[in-house]
């Protein structure tokens, strides 16, 4: 009974995490309406990083002080927040939040390609090959035909989201360098490192003191920082310990329909039939990539 209760709680948290990350695309879409992308991301990482540092202190943990670990934090920040957050925020000025959610769901596919072709620590099974093929076909359907409507504007934004997705995949592989650390430490350290990088860039590029953000954009930024970044990271790293790979990968395909639904309901977005077909291929590919392998039963004669 206790095990069932614990599993139910973890699955509820998994659904909550998927909703938080699925909703982030809508918050970004509203935020960049009146806040420049780099400034939005700089504020997002700073607010979320400070909140995580507060949680770390509350838990009685201490951040590492050695130089090598903080270099790793900086690298992780570039892959997990600085580049992808900025690329997605910039792209969503011309791309629907639902489409961004679909394209960003391919992270496990690119993560597998990196591990299979570079690190080679994961077996290339037929099911995973199907997952890679299906996911890439889905991504091509979403970008290729949809971009023909406005190739001068839509294609760069969609490619930027795919580039952000590849960054997330690289971050997942690079994250192996943090084994032995409490997962909250690289989360907080990388976000603060990201803020240190982004704040000067924001000052030079966006001149944030000249911006006139609307109340809606400010509320979207605050919600994005507190819930879809800080709280989501806390839930994510808890699930890494309780559900293992499920917590790390299942949300990638669970958040797609959530992100699309939120964009359609609250932003009035629409998706073409081609994007819908691409979504089917992407979902099939990511599910095939992330389902745990069945244990083989040996029959003793």
Protein backbone atom coordinates (compact mmCIF):
# COMPACT_ATOMS: atom_id res chain seq x y z
CA UNK A 1 0.00 0.00 0.00
CA UNK A 2 2.79 2.40 0.91
CA UNK A 3 4.61 1.65 -2.33
CA UNK A 4 1.45 2.33 -4.34
CA UNK A 5 0.87 5.57 -2.46
CA UNK A 6 4.48 6.68 -3.02
CA UNK A 7 4.29 5.83 -6.73
CA UNK A 8 1.02 7.74 -7.09
CA UNK A 9 2.62 10.79 -5.51
CA UNK A 10 5.64 10.58 -7.80
CA UNK A 11 3.45 10.23 -10.89
CA UNK A 12 1.44 13.27 -9.80
CA UNK A 13 4.71 15.18 -9.49
CA UNK A 14 5.73 13.93 -12.93
CA UNK A 15 2.48 15.26 -14.40
CA UNK A 16 2.99 18.55 -12.53
CA UNK A 17 6.52 18.85 -13.96
CA UNK A 18 5.21 18.22 -17.47
CA UNK A 19 2.57 20.91 -16.98
CA UNK A 20 5.12 23.41 -15.64
CA UNK A 21 7.51 22.89 -18.54
CA UNK A 22 4.69 22.63 -21.05
CA UNK A 23 3.31 25.98 -19.87
CA UNK A 24 6.73 27.65 -20.07
CA UNK A 25 6.39 28.14 -23.84
CA UNK A 26 3.24 30.20 -23.31
CA UNK A 27 4.87 32.26 -20.54
CA UNK A 28 7.83 32.95 -22.84
CA UNK A 29 5.49 33.92 -25.67
CA UNK A 30 3.74 36.47 -23.43
CA UNK A 31 7.01 37.67 -21.89
CA UNK A 32 8.79 38.50 -25.15
CA UNK A 33 5.87 40.64 -26.30
CA UNK A 34 7.35 43.60 -24.38
CA UNK A 35 10.60 42.25 -22.85
CA UNK A 36 13.65 41.71 -25.04
CA UNK A 37 14.63 38.01 -25.24
CA UNK A 38 18.09 38.25 -23.62
CA UNK A 39 16.74 40.41 -20.79
CA UNK A 40 13.85 37.99 -20.25
CA UNK A 41 16.23 35.03 -20.02
CA UNK A 42 18.71 36.91 -17.81
CA UNK A 43 15.95 37.79 -15.36
CA UNK A 44 14.54 34.25 -15.54
CA UNK A 45 17.86 32.60 -14.66
CA UNK A 46 18.68 35.13 -11.95
CA UNK A 47 15.33 34.84 -10.17
CA UNK A 48 15.24 31.04 -10.46
CA UNK A 49 18.89 30.70 -9.45
CA UNK A 50 18.44 32.81 -6.34
CA UNK A 51 15.37 30.79 -5.35
CA UNK A 52 17.28 27.54 -5.79
CA UNK A 53 20.18 28.86 -3.73
CA UNK A 54 17.67 29.64 -0.99
CA UNK A 55 16.34 26.07 -1.18
CA UNK A 56 19.89 24.71 -1.09
CA UNK A 57 20.65 26.76 2.01
CA UNK A 58 17.37 25.67 3.61
CA UNK A 59 18.34 22.04 3.01
CA UNK A 60 21.66 22.63 4.76
CA UNK A 61 23.76 22.01 1.65
CA UNK A 62 26.84 23.97 0.61
CA UNK A 63 27.83 24.95 -2.91
CA UNK A 64 31.19 23.59 -4.11
CA UNK A 65 34.10 26.04 -3.98
CA UNK A 66 36.65 24.40 -6.25
CA UNK A 67 37.38 26.02 -9.59
CA UNK A 68 36.88 22.90 -11.71
CA UNK A 69 33.31 22.38 -10.53
CA UNK A 70 32.38 25.98 -11.29
CA UNK A 71 33.88 25.65 -14.78
CA UNK A 72 31.57 22.68 -15.22
CA UNK A 73 28.69 24.80 -13.93
CA UNK A 74 29.50 27.44 -16.56
CA UNK A 75 29.58 24.83 -19.33
CA UNK A 76 26.31 23.35 -18.11
CA UNK A 77 24.80 26.84 -17.97
CA UNK A 78 25.68 27.48 -21.61
CA UNK A 79 24.10 24.19 -22.70
CA UNK A 80 21.12 24.13 -20.34
CA UNK A 81 20.04 27.77 -20.01
CA UNK A 82 22.08 30.53 -21.69
CA UNK A 83 21.90 29.28 -25.29
CA UNK A 84 18.61 27.32 -25.33
CA UNK A 85 16.61 29.79 -23.22
CA UNK A 86 17.77 32.69 -25.42
CA UNK A 87 17.18 30.84 -28.68
CA UNK A 88 13.66 29.81 -27.66
CA UNK A 89 12.77 33.28 -26.36
CA UNK A 90 13.99 34.85 -29.61
CA UNK A 91 12.21 32.25 -31.73
CA UNK A 92 8.88 32.66 -29.97
CA UNK A 93 8.61 36.22 -31.20
CA UNK A 94 7.59 34.71 -34.54
CA UNK A 95 6.75 31.10 -33.64
CA UNK A 96 3.71 29.75 -31.81
CA UNK A 97 4.23 28.36 -28.30
CA UNK A 98 2.62 25.05 -29.31
CA UNK A 99 5.03 24.56 -32.20
CA UNK A 100 7.95 25.41 -29.89
CA UNK A 101 6.76 22.71 -27.48
CA UNK A 102 6.59 20.13 -30.27
CA UNK A 103 10.05 20.90 -31.64
CA UNK A 104 11.58 20.98 -28.16
CA UNK A 105 10.17 17.51 -27.40
CA UNK A 106 12.89 15.94 -29.57
CA UNK A 107 15.54 16.40 -26.87
CA UNK A 108 15.76 12.66 -26.01
CA UNK A 109 16.23 11.85 -29.70
CA UNK A 110 19.22 14.18 -30.05
CA UNK A 111 20.54 13.00 -26.68
CA UNK A 112 20.51 9.45 -27.95
CA UNK A 113 22.24 10.43 -31.19
CA UNK A 114 25.00 12.17 -29.22
CA UNK A 115 25.50 9.17 -26.94
CA UNK A 116 25.34 6.67 -29.80
CA UNK A 117 27.65 8.52 -32.17
CA UNK A 118 30.04 10.22 -29.73
CA UNK A 119 30.05 8.74 -26.22
CA UNK A 120 28.80 5.31 -27.38
CA UNK A 121 27.72 4.17 -23.93
CA UNK A 122 24.21 3.22 -25.02
CA UNK A 123 23.22 0.25 -27.20
CA UNK A 124 21.62 0.99 -30.59
CA UNK A 125 18.56 -1.28 -30.43
CA UNK A 126 16.00 -1.64 -33.21
CA UNK A 127 13.36 0.06 -31.09
CA UNK A 128 15.63 3.03 -30.48
CA UNK A 129 16.45 3.18 -34.18
CA UNK A 130 12.72 3.37 -34.86
CA UNK A 131 12.43 6.11 -32.26
CA UNK A 132 15.22 8.17 -33.83
CA UNK A 133 13.78 7.76 -37.33
CA UNK A 134 10.22 8.55 -36.31
CA UNK A 135 11.25 11.56 -34.25
CA UNK A 136 13.42 13.05 -36.98
CA UNK A 137 10.69 12.51 -39.59
CA UNK A 138 8.27 14.30 -37.31
CA UNK A 139 10.65 17.21 -36.83
CA UNK A 140 11.18 17.44 -40.61
CA UNK A 141 7.42 17.47 -41.21
CA UNK A 142 6.90 20.25 -38.68
CA UNK A 143 9.74 22.43 -39.94
CA UNK A 144 9.89 21.59 -43.66
CA UNK A 145 6.36 22.02 -44.94
CA UNK A 146 5.33 24.58 -42.34
CA UNK A 147 8.30 26.78 -43.22
CA UNK A 148 7.21 26.99 -46.86
CA UNK A 149 4.41 29.37 -45.87
CA UNK A 150 6.89 31.99 -44.68
CA UNK A 151 10.38 30.66 -45.28
CA UNK A 152 12.08 34.00 -44.71
CA UNK A 153 10.73 34.35 -41.17
CA UNK A 154 9.48 31.03 -39.83
CA UNK A 155 12.39 28.81 -40.81
CA UNK A 156 15.15 30.60 -38.83
CA UNK A 157 12.98 30.65 -35.71
CA UNK A 158 12.12 26.97 -36.01
CA UNK A 159 15.76 26.05 -36.60
CA UNK A 160 16.67 28.10 -33.52
CA UNK A 161 14.32 25.96 -31.43
CA UNK A 162 15.88 22.80 -32.86
CA UNK A 163 19.33 24.20 -32.00
CA UNK A 164 18.09 24.82 -28.46
CA UNK A 165 16.87 21.24 -28.33
CA UNK A 166 20.32 19.99 -29.34
CA UNK A 167 21.79 22.14 -26.54
CA UNK A 168 19.45 20.47 -24.04
CA UNK A 169 20.56 17.08 -25.32
CA UNK A 170 24.20 18.06 -24.89
CA UNK A 171 23.43 19.25 -21.37
CA UNK A 172 21.89 15.87 -20.53
CA UNK A 173 25.08 14.12 -21.65
CA UNK A 174 27.40 16.68 -20.00
CA UNK A 175 25.44 16.33 -16.77
CA UNK A 176 27.21 13.05 -16.14
CA UNK A 177 30.11 15.15 -14.85
CA UNK A 178 28.08 15.95 -11.73
CA UNK A 179 27.86 12.42 -10.37
CA UNK A 180 28.42 12.42 -6.65
CA UNK A 181 26.91 15.89 -6.18
CA UNK A 182 23.44 16.46 -4.84
CA UNK A 183 21.40 17.25 -7.99
CA UNK A 184 20.26 20.57 -6.53
CA UNK A 185 23.85 21.88 -6.57
CA UNK A 186 24.44 21.78 -10.35
CA UNK A 187 20.90 23.08 -10.86
CA UNK A 188 21.49 26.16 -8.71
CA UNK A 189 25.10 26.60 -9.74
CA UNK A 190 24.36 26.45 -13.46
CA UNK A 191 21.44 28.89 -13.22
CA UNK A 192 23.49 31.43 -11.26
CA UNK A 193 26.36 30.97 -13.73
CA UNK A 194 23.92 31.55 -16.55
CA UNK A 195 22.72 34.78 -14.95
CA UNK A 196 26.33 35.98 -14.57
CA UNK A 197 26.82 35.44 -18.32
CA UNK A 198 23.48 36.86 -19.45
CA UNK A 199 23.15 40.01 -17.34
CA UNK A 200 26.12 41.83 -18.98
CA UNK A 201 24.93 40.70 -22.42
CA UNK A 202 21.46 42.02 -21.63
CA UNK A 203 22.89 45.38 -20.58
CA UNK A 204 24.93 45.72 -23.78
CA UNK A 205 22.40 44.31 -26.27
CA UNK A 206 18.97 45.21 -24.91
CA UNK A 207 19.58 48.30 -22.73
CA UNK A 208 16.90 46.99 -20.32
CA UNK A 209 16.43 50.40 -18.68
CA UNK A 210 14.86 51.59 -21.95
CA UNK A 211 12.24 48.81 -22.03
CA UNK A 212 8.63 49.34 -21.03
CA UNK A 213 7.38 45.87 -20.10
CA UNK A 214 3.66 45.37 -19.73
CA UNK A 215 2.11 43.97 -16.58
CA UNK A 216 1.23 40.77 -18.46
CA UNK A 217 4.84 40.28 -19.54
CA UNK A 218 6.15 40.93 -16.02
CA UNK A 219 3.68 38.44 -14.54
CA UNK A 220 4.64 35.91 -17.22
CA UNK A 221 8.33 36.42 -16.35
CA UNK A 222 7.69 35.99 -12.64
CA UNK A 223 5.58 32.87 -13.19
CA UNK A 224 8.14 31.47 -15.63
CA UNK A 225 10.98 32.03 -13.16
CA UNK A 226 9.30 30.79 -9.98
CA UNK A 227 7.21 27.90 -11.27
CA UNK A 228 8.49 26.77 -14.69
CA UNK A 229 12.17 27.13 -13.73
CA UNK A 230 12.87 27.07 -9.98
CA UNK A 231 9.99 24.83 -8.86
CA UNK A 232 10.29 22.67 -11.96
CA UNK A 233 13.99 22.09 -11.26
CA UNK A 234 13.22 21.08 -7.69
CA UNK A 235 10.60 18.56 -8.86
CA UNK A 236 12.82 17.34 -11.68
CA UNK A 237 15.80 16.55 -9.47
CA UNK A 238 13.54 14.88 -6.92
CA UNK A 239 12.14 12.63 -9.66
CA UNK A 240 15.66 11.82 -10.82
CA UNK A 241 16.17 10.16 -7.43
CA UNK A 242 12.74 8.52 -7.06
CA UNK A 243 11.81 7.55 -10.63
CA UNK A 244 15.22 7.52 -12.28
CA UNK A 245 15.13 7.85 -16.05
CA UNK A 246 11.34 8.22 -16.09
CA UNK A 247 11.59 11.55 -14.33
CA UNK A 248 14.33 12.67 -16.71
CA UNK A 249 12.70 11.65 -19.99
CA UNK A 250 8.98 10.95 -19.70
CA UNK A 251 8.15 14.62 -19.26
CA UNK A 252 9.61 15.27 -22.72
CA UNK A 253 6.62 13.69 -24.43
CA UNK A 254 4.09 14.38 -21.68
CA UNK A 255 4.70 18.12 -21.93
CA UNK A 256 4.06 18.25 -25.69
CA UNK A 257 0.25 17.90 -25.64
CA UNK A 258 0.15 20.10 -22.53
CA UNK A 259 2.21 22.83 -24.17
CA UNK A 260 0.20 22.65 -27.38
CA UNK A 261 -3.14 22.68 -25.53
CA UNK A 262 -2.13 25.72 -23.45
CA UNK A 263 -1.05 27.61 -26.56
CA UNK A 264 -4.29 26.80 -28.37
CA UNK A 265 -6.60 27.55 -25.42
CA UNK A 266 -5.00 30.68 -24.00
CA UNK A 267 -3.23 32.19 -27.02
CA UNK A 268 -5.66 31.17 -29.75
CA UNK A 269 -2.91 29.41 -31.71
CA UNK A 270 -3.62 26.94 -34.48
CA UNK A 271 -1.52 24.13 -35.90
CA UNK A 272 -1.58 22.98 -39.49
CA UNK A 273 -2.44 19.40 -40.38
CA UNK A 274 1.21 18.83 -41.25
CA UNK A 275 2.30 19.93 -37.78
CA UNK A 276 -0.27 17.57 -36.28
CA UNK A 277 1.12 14.67 -38.31
CA UNK A 278 4.62 15.65 -37.26
CA UNK A 279 3.45 15.63 -33.64
CA UNK A 280 2.29 12.03 -34.04
CA UNK A 281 5.69 10.98 -35.40
CA UNK A 282 7.55 12.90 -32.69
CA UNK A 283 5.42 11.41 -29.91
CA UNK A 284 5.87 7.89 -31.30
CA UNK A 285 9.61 8.41 -31.60
CA UNK A 286 10.14 9.80 -28.11
CA UNK A 287 7.95 7.11 -26.52
CA UNK A 288 9.94 4.41 -28.33
CA UNK A 289 13.15 6.04 -27.14
CA UNK A 290 12.17 6.29 -23.49
CA UNK A 291 10.12 3.21 -22.63
CA UNK A 292 12.16 0.88 -20.40
CA UNK A 293 13.23 -2.37 -21.96
CA UNK A 294 11.39 -5.46 -20.86
CA UNK A 295 13.38 -7.81 -18.72
CA UNK A 296 14.04 -11.13 -20.37
CA UNK A 297 12.84 -14.20 -18.50
CA UNK A 298 15.07 -17.22 -18.69
CA UNK A 299 13.40 -20.59 -18.65
CA UNK A 300 15.38 -23.24 -16.84
CA UNK A 301 14.91 -26.75 -18.23
